[in-house]
C-alpha atoms as a PDB file:
ATOM      1  CA  MET A   1      15.435 -52.514 -25.059  1.00  0.00           C
ATOM      2  CA  SER A   2      16.631 -55.797 -25.572  1.00  0.00           C
ATOM      3  CA  GLN A   3      16.040 -58.756 -23.432  1.00  0.00           C
ATOM      4  CA  SER A   4      20.051 -58.606 -22.484  1.00  0.00           C
ATOM      5  CA  ASP A   5      19.305 -55.400 -21.019  1.00  0.00           C
ATOM      6  CA  TYR A   6      17.507 -56.878 -18.351  1.00  0.00           C
ATOM      7  CA  SER A   7      20.512 -59.003 -17.011  1.00  0.00           C
ATOM      8  CA  TYR A   8      21.835 -58.931 -13.748  1.00  0.00           C
ATOM      9  CA  SER A   9      24.527 -56.401 -14.438  1.00  0.00           C
ATOM     10  CA  SER A  10      21.704 -53.887 -15.116  1.00  0.00           C
ATOM     11  CA  LEU A  11      20.553 -53.848 -11.576  1.00  0.00           C
ATOM     12  CA  PRO A  12      22.061 -52.085  -8.747  1.00  0.00           C
ATOM     13  CA  LYS A  13      23.605 -54.282  -6.101  1.00  0.00           C
ATOM     14  CA  GLU A  14      21.278 -53.185  -3.555  1.00  0.00           C
ATOM     15  CA  ILE A  15      18.383 -53.965  -5.730  1.00  0.00           C
ATOM     16  CA  SER A  16      19.697 -57.564  -6.631  1.00  0.00           C
ATOM     17  CA  LEU A  17      20.531 -58.130  -2.648  1.00  0.00           C
ATOM     18  CA  LYS A  18      16.776 -57.092  -1.919  1.00  0.00           C
ATOM     19  CA  ILE A  19      15.537 -59.689  -4.473  1.00  0.00           C
ATOM     20  CA  ALA A  20      17.885 -62.564  -3.176  1.00  0.00           C
ATOM     21  CA  SER A  21      16.744 -61.616   0.734  1.00  0.00           C
ATOM     22  CA  SER A  22      13.166 -62.411  -0.235  1.00  0.00           C
ATOM     23  CA  LEU A  23      14.041 -66.168  -0.939  1.00  0.00           C
ATOM     24  CA  GLU A  24      14.259 -69.233   1.297  1.00  0.00           C
ATOM     25  CA  ALA A  25      17.654 -71.246   1.416  1.00  0.00           C
ATOM     26  CA  PRO A  26      16.709 -73.653  -1.420  1.00  0.00           C
ATOM     27  CA  ALA A  27      15.417 -70.815  -3.658  1.00  0.00           C
ATOM     28  CA  LEU A  28      18.573 -68.850  -2.860  1.00  0.00           C
ATOM     29  CA  SER A  29      20.991 -71.632  -3.834  1.00  0.00           C
ATOM     30  CA  SER A  30      19.062 -72.276  -7.069  1.00  0.00           C
ATOM     31  CA  LEU A  31      19.405 -68.552  -7.985  1.00  0.00           C
ATOM     32  CA  ALA A  32      23.071 -68.952  -7.521  1.00  0.00           C
ATOM     33  CA  CYS A  33      23.370 -71.508 -10.364  1.00  0.00           C
ATOM     34  CA  CYS A  34      22.022 -69.040 -12.798  1.00  0.00           C
ATOM     35  CA  SER A  35      25.270 -67.081 -13.144  1.00  0.00           C
ATOM     36  CA  ARG A  36      28.720 -65.917 -11.837  1.00  0.00           C
ATOM     37  CA  ASP A  37      27.050 -62.516 -11.034  1.00  0.00           C
ATOM     38  CA  TRP A  38      24.225 -64.058  -8.876  1.00  0.00           C
ATOM     39  CA  GLN A  39      26.360 -66.498  -7.244  1.00  0.00           C
ATOM     40  CA  GLU A  40      28.228 -63.524  -5.948  1.00  0.00           C
ATOM     41  CA  ILE A  41      25.096 -61.996  -4.656  1.00  0.00           C
ATOM     42  CA  CYS A  42      23.654 -65.258  -3.290  1.00  0.00           C
ATOM     43  CA  VAL A  43      26.724 -66.422  -1.158  1.00  0.00           C
ATOM     44  CA  SER A  44      26.729 -63.077   0.616  1.00  0.00           C
ATOM     45  CA  ASP A  45      27.255 -63.565   4.412  1.00  0.00           C
ATOM     46  CA  CYS A  46      24.452 -60.992   5.240  1.00  0.00           C
ATOM     47  CA  LEU A  47      22.038 -63.123   3.383  1.00  0.00           C
ATOM     48  CA  TRP A  48      22.784 -66.382   5.051  1.00  0.00           C
ATOM     49  CA  LYS A  49      23.340 -64.922   8.472  1.00  0.00           C
ATOM     50  CA  SER A  50      19.792 -63.579   8.235  1.00  0.00           C
ATOM     51  CA  LEU A  51      18.434 -67.120   7.140  1.00  0.00           C
ATOM     52  CA  LEU A  52      20.379 -68.753   9.885  1.00  0.00           C
ATOM     53  CA  LYS A  53      19.224 -66.258  12.602  1.00  0.00           C
ATOM     54  CA  GLU A  54      15.590 -66.646  11.535  1.00  0.00           C
ATOM     55  CA  ARG A  55      15.861 -70.609  11.741  1.00  0.00           C
ATOM     56  CA  TRP A  56      18.291 -71.060  14.549  1.00  0.00           C
ATOM     57  CA  PRO A  57      18.289 -67.671  16.640  1.00  0.00           C
ATOM     58  CA  LEU A  58      20.120 -69.081  19.446  1.00  0.00           C
ATOM     59  CA  LEU A  59      23.171 -69.681  17.214  1.00  0.00           C
ATOM     60  CA  CYS A  60      23.555 -66.109  16.312  1.00  0.00           C
ATOM     61  CA  GLY A  61      24.349 -65.103  20.043  1.00  0.00           C
ATOM     62  CA  ALA A  62      26.421 -62.517  21.302  1.00  0.00           C
ATOM     63  CA  ASP A  63      29.116 -65.181  21.824  1.00  0.00           C
ATOM     64  CA  LYS A  64      29.588 -65.338  18.050  1.00  0.00           C
ATOM     65  CA  ASP A  65      32.733 -63.928  16.561  1.00  0.00           C
ATOM     66  CA  PRO A  66      31.513 -60.563  15.155  1.00  0.00           C
ATOM     67  CA  ASN A  67      34.063 -61.193  12.284  1.00  0.00           C
ATOM     68  CA  PHE A  68      33.154 -64.398  11.457  1.00  0.00           C
ATOM     69  CA  LYS A  69      32.775 -65.337   7.731  1.00  0.00           C
ATOM     70  CA  ASP A  70      31.237 -68.258   5.681  1.00  0.00           C
ATOM     71  CA  TRP A  71      27.854 -67.903   7.264  1.00  0.00           C
ATOM     72  CA  ARG A  72      26.410 -69.961   4.324  1.00  0.00           C
ATOM     73  CA  GLY A  73      28.779 -72.906   5.237  1.00  0.00           C
ATOM     74  CA  PHE A  74      27.607 -72.634   8.718  1.00  0.00           C
ATOM     75  CA  TYR A  75      23.925 -72.832   7.690  1.00  0.00           C
ATOM     76  CA  VAL A  76      24.670 -75.586   5.406  1.00  0.00           C
ATOM     77  CA  LYS A  77      26.399 -77.761   8.169  1.00  0.00           C
ATOM     78  CA  GLN A  78      23.836 -76.805  10.724  1.00  0.00           C
ATOM     79  CA  HIS A  79      21.003 -77.756   8.229  1.00  0.00           C
ATOM     80  CA  GLU A  80      22.795 -81.177   7.337  1.00  0.00           C
ATOM     81  CA  GLU A  81      23.136 -82.080  11.153  1.00  0.00           C
ATOM     82  CA  GLN A  82      19.221 -81.318  11.843  1.00  0.00           C
ATOM     83  CA  LYS A  83      18.515 -83.388   9.032  1.00  0.00           C
ATOM     84  CA  ARG A  84      20.719 -86.269   9.956  1.00  0.00           C
ATOM     85  CA  GLN A  85      19.038 -86.222  13.364  1.00  0.00           C
ATOM     86  CA  ALA A  86      15.495 -85.907  11.993  1.00  0.00           C
ATOM     87  CA  GLU A  87      16.024 -88.797   9.602  1.00  0.00           C
ATOM     88  CA  SER A  88      17.140 -90.945  12.799  1.00  0.00           C
ATOM     89  CA  VAL A  89      13.385 -90.392  13.977  1.00  0.00           C
ATOM     90  CA  ILE A  90      11.923 -90.862  10.441  1.00  0.00           C
ATOM     91  CA  ASN A  91      13.705 -94.196  10.282  1.00  0.00           C
ATOM     92  CA  LEU A  92      12.620 -95.141  13.831  1.00  0.00           C
ATOM     93  CA  VAL A  93       9.219 -94.557  13.150  1.00  0.00           C
ATOM     94  CA  GLU A  94       9.399 -96.403   9.789  1.00  0.00           C
ATOM     95  CA  GLN A  95      10.955 -99.424  11.316  1.00  0.00           C
ATOM     96  CA  ARG A  96       8.561 -99.699  14.045  1.00  0.00           C
ATOM     97  CA  SER A  97       5.522 -99.365  11.892  1.00  0.00           C
ATOM     98  CA  LEU A  98       6.780-101.565   9.342  1.00  0.00           C
ATOM     99  CA  PHE A  99       4.003-104.164   9.945  1.00  0.00           C
ATOM    100  CA  GLY A 100       1.402-101.489  10.234  1.00  0.00           C
ATOM    101  CA  SER A 101       1.462-100.475  14.052  1.00  0.00           C
ATOM    102  CA  LEU A 102       3.396 -98.291  16.323  1.00  0.00           C
ATOM    103  CA  ASN A 103       2.615 -98.520  20.164  1.00  0.00           C
ATOM    104  CA  ALA A 104       2.206 -95.183  22.066  1.00  0.00           C
ATOM    105  CA  VAL A 105       5.630 -95.552  23.526  1.00  0.00           C
ATOM    106  CA  ASP A 106       7.353 -95.284  20.284  1.00  0.00           C
ATOM    107  CA  TYR A 107       5.064 -92.652  19.087  1.00  0.00           C
ATOM    108  CA  LEU A 108       5.578 -90.368  22.171  1.00  0.00           C
ATOM    109  CA  HIS A 109       9.406 -91.261  22.144  1.00  0.00           C
ATOM    110  CA  ALA A 110       9.426 -90.039  18.566  1.00  0.00           C
ATOM    111  CA  ILE A 111       7.986 -86.485  19.923  1.00  0.00           C
ATOM    112  CA  SER A 112      10.385 -86.415  22.608  1.00  0.00           C
ATOM    113  CA  CYS A 113      13.463 -86.884  20.437  1.00  0.00           C
ATOM    114  CA  LEU A 114      12.301 -84.017  18.201  1.00  0.00           C
ATOM    115  CA  GLU A 115      12.322 -81.949  21.412  1.00  0.00           C
ATOM    116  CA  ARG A 116      15.648 -83.259  22.551  1.00  0.00           C
ATOM    117  CA  ILE A 117      17.388 -82.374  19.406  1.00  0.00           C
ATOM    118  CA  GLN A 118      15.696 -78.962  19.621  1.00  0.00           C
ATOM    119  CA  LEU A 119      14.101 -79.216  16.129  1.00  0.00           C
ATOM    120  CA  GLY A 120      12.510 -75.856  15.459  1.00  0.00           C
ATOM    121  CA  PHE A 121       9.310 -75.117  13.524  1.00  0.00           C
ATOM    122  CA  ARG A 122      11.122 -74.247  10.432  1.00  0.00           C
ATOM    123  CA  ASP A 123      13.073 -77.672  10.787  1.00  0.00           C
ATOM    124  CA  VAL A 124       9.802 -79.728  11.091  1.00  0.00           C
ATOM    125  CA  GLN A 125       8.321 -77.919   8.083  1.00  0.00           C
ATOM    126  CA  MET A 126      11.272 -78.650   5.974  1.00  0.00           C
ATOM    127  CA  LEU A 127      11.954 -82.275   7.189  1.00  0.00           C
ATOM    128  CA  LEU A 128       8.656 -83.720   8.349  1.00  0.00           C
ATOM    129  CA  LEU A 129       5.502 -81.832   7.012  1.00  0.00           C
ATOM    130  CA  LYS A 130       6.039 -83.309   3.620  1.00  0.00           C
ATOM    131  CA  PRO A 131       3.752 -85.297   1.376  1.00  0.00           C
ATOM    132  CA  LYS A 132       6.208 -88.144   0.544  1.00  0.00           C
ATOM    133  CA  LEU A 133       6.457 -89.131   4.154  1.00  0.00           C
ATOM    134  CA  ASN A 134       3.955 -91.424   5.900  1.00  0.00           C
ATOM    135  CA  VAL A 135       1.008 -89.441   7.163  1.00  0.00           C
ATOM    136  CA  LEU A 136       1.828 -90.467  10.629  1.00  0.00           C
ATOM    137  CA  LEU A 137       5.287 -88.585  10.548  1.00  0.00           C
ATOM    138  CA  ASN A 138       3.141 -85.630   9.197  1.00  0.00           C
ATOM    139  CA  LEU A 139       0.903 -86.264  12.457  1.00  0.00           C
ATOM    140  CA  ILE A 140       4.077 -86.349  14.845  1.00  0.00           C
ATOM    141  CA  GLY A 141       5.503 -83.196  13.233  1.00  0.00           C
ATOM    142  CA  LEU A 142       2.100 -81.288  13.586  1.00  0.00           C
ATOM    143  CA  HIS A 143       1.589 -82.741  17.223  1.00  0.00           C
ATOM    144  CA  TYR A 144       5.316 -81.690  18.315  1.00  0.00           C
ATOM    145  CA  CYS A 145       4.814 -78.103  16.776  1.00  0.00           C
ATOM    146  CA  LEU A 146       1.369 -77.653  18.290  1.00  0.00           C
ATOM    147  CA  ASN A 147       2.017 -78.737  21.939  1.00  0.00           C
ATOM    148  CA  ASN A 148       5.795 -78.763  22.312  1.00  0.00           C
ATOM    149  CA  LEU A 149       6.891 -75.517  20.272  1.00  0.00           C
ATOM    150  CA  GLN A 150       3.336 -73.962  20.764  1.00  0.00           C
ATOM    151  CA  VAL A 151       3.562 -72.473  17.379  1.00  0.00           C
ATOM    152  CA  PRO A 152       0.361 -70.432  16.734  1.00  0.00           C
ATOM    153  CA  ALA A 153      -2.332 -72.555  14.803  1.00  0.00           C
ATOM    154  CA  PHE A 154      -2.413 -70.456  11.536  1.00  0.00           C
ATOM    155  CA  HIS A 155       1.209 -70.785  11.141  1.00  0.00           C
ATOM    156  CA  ILE A 156       0.870 -74.631  11.226  1.00  0.00           C
ATOM    157  CA  THR A 157      -2.068 -74.557   9.135  1.00  0.00           C
ATOM    158  CA  GLU A 158      -0.086 -72.351   6.285  1.00  0.00           C
ATOM    159  CA  ALA A 159       2.606 -75.081   6.636  1.00  0.00           C
ATOM    160  CA  LEU A 160       0.230 -77.885   5.949  1.00  0.00           C
ATOM    161  CA  TRP A 161      -1.032 -76.229   3.027  1.00  0.00           C
ATOM    162  CA  SER A 162       2.386 -75.306   1.456  1.00  0.00           C
ATOM    163  CA  GLY A 163       3.426 -78.976   2.081  1.00  0.00           C
ATOM    164  CA  LYS A 164       0.271 -80.203   0.205  1.00  0.00           C
ATOM    165  CA  ILE A 165      -0.838 -82.235   3.133  1.00  0.00           C
ATOM    166  CA  ALA A 166      -3.540 -80.384   4.873  1.00  0.00           C
ATOM    167  CA  ASP A 167      -6.388 -82.898   3.468  1.00  0.00           C
ATOM    168  CA  ARG A 168      -4.487 -85.808   4.680  1.00  0.00           C
ATOM    169  CA  GLN A 169      -6.514 -87.787   7.106  1.00  0.00           C
ATOM    170  CA  VAL A 170      -6.337 -90.013  10.173  1.00  0.00           C
ATOM    171  CA  CYS A 171      -8.919 -92.045  11.923  1.00  0.00           C
ATOM    172  CA  VAL A 172      -8.447 -92.649  15.588  1.00  0.00           C
ATOM    173  CA  LYS A 173     -10.029 -95.567  17.584  1.00  0.00           C
ATOM    174  CA  TRP A 174      -9.740 -96.160  21.395  1.00  0.00           C
ATOM    175  CA  ARG A 175     -11.471 -97.746  24.274  1.00  0.00           C
ATOM    176  CA  SER A 176     -11.412 -96.741  27.860  1.00  0.00           C
ATOM    177  CA  THR A 177     -10.411 -99.119  30.672  1.00  0.00           C
ATOM    178  CA  TYR A 178     -13.576 -98.374  32.278  1.00  0.00           C
ATOM    179  CA  ASN A 179     -15.565-100.161  29.374  1.00  0.00           C
ATOM    180  CA  PHE A 180     -12.715-102.898  28.514  1.00  0.00           C
ATOM    181  CA  ARG A 181     -15.485-105.449  28.317  1.00  0.00           C
ATOM    182  CA  THR A 182     -18.126-103.423  26.838  1.00  0.00           C
ATOM    183  CA  ARG A 183     -18.218-103.219  22.563  1.00  0.00           C
ATOM    184  CA  GLY A 184     -20.218 -99.939  23.325  1.00  0.00           C
ATOM    185  CA  GLY A 185     -17.085 -98.326  24.813  1.00  0.00           C
ATOM    186  CA  ASP A 186     -15.134 -98.159  21.806  1.00  0.00           C
ATOM    187  CA  GLN A 187     -14.978 -94.846  20.224  1.00  0.00           C
ATOM    188  CA  SER A 188     -13.668 -93.545  16.877  1.00  0.00           C
ATOM    189  CA  ARG A 189     -12.911 -90.063  15.271  1.00  0.00           C
ATOM    190  CA  CYS A 190     -11.661 -89.351  11.760  1.00  0.00           C
ATOM    191  CA  VAL A 191     -10.250 -86.097  11.084  1.00  0.00           C
ATOM    192  CA  TYR A 192      -8.086 -84.244   8.570  1.00  0.00           C
ATOM    193  CA  LEU A 193      -4.533 -82.700   9.761  1.00  0.00           C
ATOM    194  CA  LYS A 194      -5.769 -79.181   8.918  1.00  0.00           C
ATOM    195  CA  ASP A 195      -8.986 -79.771  11.434  1.00  0.00           C
ATOM    196  CA  LEU A 196      -6.512 -81.211  14.144  1.00  0.00           C
ATOM    197  CA  VAL A 197      -4.657 -77.900  14.109  1.00  0.00           C
ATOM    198  CA  LYS A 198      -7.929 -75.744  14.112  1.00  0.00           C
ATOM    199  CA  GLY A 199      -9.169 -77.966  16.927  1.00  0.00           C
ATOM    200  CA  GLU A 200     -12.266 -78.871  14.957  1.00  0.00           C
ATOM    201  CA  ASP A 201     -12.172 -82.210  16.921  1.00  0.00           C
ATOM    202  CA  ASP A 202     -12.291 -80.322  20.319  1.00  0.00           C
ATOM    203  CA  GLY A 203      -8.542 -81.384  20.883  1.00  0.00           C
ATOM    204  CA  GLU A 204      -9.833 -84.978  21.400  1.00  0.00           C
ATOM    205  CA  VAL A 205      -7.493 -86.854  18.950  1.00  0.00           C
ATOM    206  CA  LEU A 206      -4.084 -85.069  20.342  1.00  0.00           C
ATOM    207  CA  THR A 207      -5.465 -85.562  23.684  1.00  0.00           C
ATOM    208  CA  VAL A 208      -6.260 -89.326  23.127  1.00  0.00           C
ATOM    209  CA  LEU A 209      -2.719 -90.073  21.822  1.00  0.00           C
ATOM    210  CA  GLU A 210      -1.012 -88.377  24.743  1.00  0.00           C
ATOM    211  CA  ARG A 211      -3.194 -90.119  27.297  1.00  0.00           C
ATOM    212  CA  GLY A 212      -2.429 -93.569  25.402  1.00  0.00           C
ATOM    213  CA  ALA A 213       0.735 -93.583  27.537  1.00  0.00           C
ATOM    214  CA  THR A 214      -1.338 -93.897  30.634  1.00  0.00           C
ATOM    215  CA  TYR A 215      -3.538 -96.614  31.909  1.00  0.00           C
ATOM    216  CA  GLU A 216      -6.825 -94.615  31.424  1.00  0.00           C
ATOM    217  CA  LEU A 217      -7.035 -96.242  27.853  1.00  0.00           C
ATOM    218  CA  SER A 218      -6.758 -99.852  27.074  1.00  0.00           C
ATOM    219  CA  ARG A 219      -6.530 -99.638  23.399  1.00  0.00           C
ATOM    220  CA  VAL A 220      -5.854 -97.011  21.169  1.00  0.00           C
ATOM    221  CA  GLN A 221      -5.551 -96.906  17.213  1.00  0.00           C
ATOM    222  CA  VAL A 222      -4.562 -94.466  14.582  1.00  0.00           C
ATOM    223  CA  SER A 223      -5.366 -95.434  10.908  1.00  0.00           C
ATOM    224  CA  ASP A 224      -4.934 -94.171   7.631  1.00  0.00           C
ATOM    225  CA  PRO A 225      -8.263 -94.636   5.821  1.00  0.00           C
ATOM    226  CA  PHE A 226      -6.838 -94.233   2.259  1.00  0.00           C
ATOM    227  CA  SER A 227      -4.288 -97.007   2.367  1.00  0.00           C
ATOM    228  CA  GLY A 228      -3.113 -98.561  -0.827  1.00  0.00           C
ATOM    229  CA  SER A 229      -4.786-102.014   0.156  1.00  0.00           C
ATOM    230  CA  GLY A 230      -8.247-100.680   0.599  1.00  0.00           C
ATOM    231  CA  ASP A 231      -8.249-102.087   4.190  1.00  0.00           C
ATOM    232  CA  GLU A 232      -7.889 -99.835   7.432  1.00  0.00           C
ATOM    233  CA  HIS A 233      -4.152 -99.684   7.946  1.00  0.00           C
ATOM    234  CA  GLU A 234      -3.448 -99.501  11.570  1.00  0.00           C
ATOM    235  CA  LEU A 235      -0.589 -96.867  12.358  1.00  0.00           C
ATOM    236  CA  ILE A 236      -0.668 -96.763  16.339  1.00  0.00           C
ATOM    237  CA  THR A 237      -1.956 -99.547  18.582  1.00  0.00           C
ATOM    238  CA  ILE A 238      -1.716 -99.821  22.324  1.00  0.00           C
ATOM    239  CA  ILE A 239      -2.901-102.866  24.158  1.00  0.00           C
END
């Protein structure tokens, strides 16, 4: 049997649909570029409706027209809107941390923005848990998924590994107001993102960041110990 015998045309349509239904949106779009036959399969409403329902279940409610077509177009439009809103948070964090520091108000504001725009776990995974972004943005996405969305830890851990950011590390320093004048009151913790999810730090780091918005802590810093300058790169400072 020649190689051409294994072309798309030799597959029953239901098998082709089964193959396509196992793919995520980016891979499905790439497959559609292979040939006209695959394009016909990969734009099928049943595939994109399923992807949209998985990512944004509330958008496939009972009030949706049962005869609605172009689920792919609807998915792409929704993705672009979520991307635009997520980029506004990314830009905010990057601007506020331009000189290496971001106060707790801005840190927690970024998390509240994610909640306000109703970013889901899949959205965070696609838009924030990426290696090309500052580790601070990875941390914000992780914090939001764990505390706000209450995503099971093993799902977040899988997302960190697939995004190749599980071994990124942050260091946290803080000082209690009760020990404001005591050098011995300074505390610090360095932890990998993967360990934050598993609670290897007993939940201390994320708790400190959340409490930083109160007056219980006079100073909190989150640092990237592997910044390009070789010096400790301050990401969050509360004074």
